[in-house]
Amino acid sequence: MKKYIPFLLLCLGFLASCGEDPKTPEELALEKLSGELGTNYTLGTTGYVKRNQVDETRFYPGLTIRLDGKTKSYTSSGATDLFESSGNWEFVGTNFDKIRLTGSKPASQVDISYTKNGQELLFVFSVPTPPGGRVASLTGSYEIKLTGG
């Protein structure tokens, strides 16, 4: 019987190492931000859109953003002056706390910091003044609070 103890310990060690590989920081961030099947975020009853700390929620009724982590794509509605209706996104940096959207709208091609607390998602970003100072009406610092479902 004593001969089999090292063999049994070896087998147990092998079985223990056959578990799932731990998730990477990016996989964890994807899961947190978009879940496994994507997540719809809406203004809901507690959400808001602030520009330069002024509430502008009334200009964005029905704001919805859907983030899909598997394809790193997004769709949006209710904010066509800020966001493309669809596109792709990527993480910025190695902390996985900022994203960047593709497109040509003001919220595209800028770093968007996000904080996720339970079902609430908070986006913080700045829209720079366009070259030549043209159409600066959307320029400013944004804070957008949405609820996921």
Protein backbone atom coordinates (compact mmCIF):
# COMPACT_ATOMS: atom_id res chain seq x y z
CA MET A 1 0.00 0.00 0.00
CA LYS A 2 2.82 2.42 0.81
CA LYS A 3 4.08 1.99 -2.78
CA TYR A 4 0.88 3.52 -4.12
CA ILE A 5 0.87 6.69 -2.01
CA PRO A 6 3.37 8.61 -4.21
CA PHE A 7 1.41 7.50 -7.28
CA LEU A 8 -1.88 8.66 -5.76
CA LEU A 9 -0.36 12.02 -4.79
CA LEU A 10 0.95 12.43 -8.33
CA CYS A 11 -2.51 11.66 -9.75
CA LEU A 12 -4.16 14.14 -7.39
CA GLY A 13 -1.66 16.82 -8.37
CA PHE A 14 -2.30 16.14 -12.05
CA LEU A 15 -6.08 16.34 -11.59
CA ALA A 16 -5.80 19.58 -9.64
CA SER A 17 -3.80 21.17 -12.45
CA CYS A 18 -6.42 20.21 -15.05
CA GLY A 19 -8.83 22.94 -13.94
CA GLU A 20 -9.69 25.96 -16.04
CA ASP A 21 -6.95 28.43 -16.74
CA PRO A 22 -7.34 31.61 -14.73
CA LYS A 23 -8.89 34.48 -16.70
CA THR A 24 -6.67 37.27 -17.96
CA PRO A 25 -7.24 40.84 -16.75
CA GLU A 26 -8.73 41.67 -20.16
CA GLU A 27 -11.16 38.73 -19.99
CA LEU A 28 -12.25 39.83 -16.52
CA ALA A 29 -12.76 43.41 -17.73
CA LEU A 30 -14.77 42.19 -20.75
CA GLU A 31 -16.96 40.08 -18.50
CA LYS A 32 -17.52 42.98 -16.11
CA LEU A 33 -18.31 45.50 -18.85
CA SER A 34 -20.38 43.46 -21.26
CA GLY A 35 -21.20 40.10 -19.68
CA GLU A 36 -21.11 36.93 -21.74
CA LEU A 37 -23.85 37.86 -24.20
CA GLY A 38 -23.47 41.64 -24.32
CA THR A 39 -25.22 44.21 -22.16
CA ASN A 40 -27.73 46.96 -22.92
CA TYR A 41 -27.21 50.14 -20.92
CA THR A 42 -29.96 52.77 -20.74
CA LEU A 43 -30.65 56.00 -18.90
CA GLY A 44 -33.43 54.35 -16.94
CA THR A 45 -34.81 56.33 -14.01
CA THR A 46 -31.49 57.10 -12.31
CA GLY A 47 -29.26 57.81 -15.30
CA TYR A 48 -28.09 61.17 -16.57
CA VAL A 49 -25.97 62.96 -19.15
CA LYS A 50 -23.93 65.89 -17.86
CA ARG A 51 -21.72 68.17 -19.92
CA ASN A 52 -19.42 70.48 -17.98
CA GLN A 53 -21.38 69.45 -14.85
CA VAL A 54 -24.67 70.73 -16.33
CA ASP A 55 -27.50 68.19 -16.63
CA GLU A 56 -28.33 67.71 -20.33
CA THR A 57 -30.29 64.48 -19.95
CA ARG A 58 -33.35 66.04 -21.61
CA PHE A 59 -31.43 66.20 -24.91
CA TYR A 60 -30.85 62.41 -24.87
CA PRO A 61 -34.20 60.71 -24.24
CA GLY A 62 -33.99 57.00 -24.87
CA LEU A 63 -30.20 56.90 -24.80
CA THR A 64 -29.15 53.25 -25.10
CA ILE A 65 -25.73 51.73 -25.62
CA ARG A 66 -25.17 48.02 -26.15
CA LEU A 67 -21.67 46.65 -25.62
CA ASP A 68 -20.71 43.22 -26.93
CA GLY A 69 -17.47 41.90 -25.47
CA LYS A 70 -17.06 38.91 -27.79
CA THR A 71 -16.93 41.03 -30.94
CA LYS A 72 -15.95 44.29 -29.21
CA SER A 73 -18.77 46.01 -31.04
CA TYR A 74 -21.38 48.51 -29.90
CA THR A 75 -24.68 49.97 -30.97
CA SER A 76 -26.28 53.13 -29.69
CA SER A 77 -29.48 55.12 -30.05
CA GLY A 78 -30.85 58.33 -28.63
CA ALA A 79 -27.58 60.27 -28.90
CA THR A 80 -26.80 60.54 -32.60
CA ASP A 81 -24.95 63.80 -32.11
CA LEU A 82 -22.45 62.12 -29.72
CA PHE A 83 -22.23 58.43 -30.69
CA GLU A 84 -22.22 56.49 -33.95
CA SER A 85 -25.22 54.19 -34.29
CA SER A 86 -22.79 51.24 -34.38
CA GLY A 87 -19.11 50.47 -34.48
CA ASN A 88 -16.32 48.75 -32.64
CA TRP A 89 -14.52 49.51 -29.42
CA GLU A 90 -11.23 48.62 -27.78
CA PHE A 91 -9.60 48.89 -24.41
CA VAL A 92 -7.06 51.67 -23.98
CA GLY A 93 -3.94 50.91 -21.96
CA THR A 94 -3.24 47.95 -19.72
CA ASN A 95 -5.54 48.79 -16.80
CA PHE A 96 -8.67 47.96 -18.84
CA ASP A 97 -10.55 50.91 -17.30
CA LYS A 98 -10.84 52.95 -20.50
CA ILE A 99 -12.35 52.24 -23.90
CA ARG A 100 -12.21 53.98 -27.27
CA LEU A 101 -15.02 53.86 -29.83
CA THR A 102 -14.52 53.84 -33.59
CA GLY A 103 -16.23 56.40 -35.79
CA SER A 104 -16.26 60.11 -36.48
CA LYS A 105 -18.80 61.37 -33.92
CA PRO A 106 -17.57 63.50 -30.97
CA ALA A 107 -17.43 60.53 -28.53
CA SER A 108 -15.39 58.51 -31.03
CA GLN A 109 -11.61 58.30 -30.96
CA VAL A 110 -11.41 59.70 -27.40
CA ASP A 111 -10.51 57.82 -24.24
CA ILE A 112 -13.66 57.02 -22.27
CA SER A 113 -13.05 56.11 -18.64
CA TYR A 114 -15.65 53.81 -17.19
CA THR A 115 -16.64 52.66 -13.75
CA LYS A 116 -19.01 49.77 -13.23
CA ASN A 117 -20.77 49.45 -9.90
CA GLY A 118 -23.39 46.71 -9.81
CA GLN A 119 -25.70 47.42 -12.75
CA GLU A 120 -24.60 51.05 -13.06
CA LEU A 121 -22.07 52.16 -15.66
CA LEU A 122 -20.47 55.58 -15.56
CA PHE A 123 -18.68 56.98 -18.63
CA VAL A 124 -16.39 60.00 -18.27
CA PHE A 125 -14.76 61.61 -21.29
CA SER A 126 -13.94 64.92 -22.91
CA VAL A 127 -14.85 66.07 -26.38
CA PRO A 128 -12.09 68.37 -27.65
CA THR A 129 -12.69 71.49 -29.71
CA PRO A 130 -12.64 70.48 -33.37
CA PRO A 131 -9.82 71.75 -35.61
CA GLY A 132 -10.46 75.34 -36.60
CA GLY A 133 -12.98 75.68 -33.75
CA ARG A 134 -15.85 74.61 -36.00
CA VAL A 135 -19.04 73.23 -34.44
CA ALA A 136 -17.86 73.39 -30.86
CA SER A 137 -21.40 73.04 -29.43
CA LEU A 138 -20.64 69.51 -28.12
CA THR A 139 -17.20 70.36 -26.76
CA GLY A 140 -16.73 69.71 -23.06
CA SER A 141 -16.38 67.16 -20.29
CA TYR A 142 -19.07 64.49 -20.20
CA GLU A 143 -20.33 62.25 -17.44
CA ILE A 144 -22.93 59.69 -18.50
CA LYS A 145 -24.57 57.35 -16.00
CA LEU A 146 -26.42 54.34 -17.42
CA THR A 147 -28.03 51.22 -16.01
CA GLY A 148 -27.45 47.76 -17.46
CA GLY A 149 -29.83 44.89 -17.64
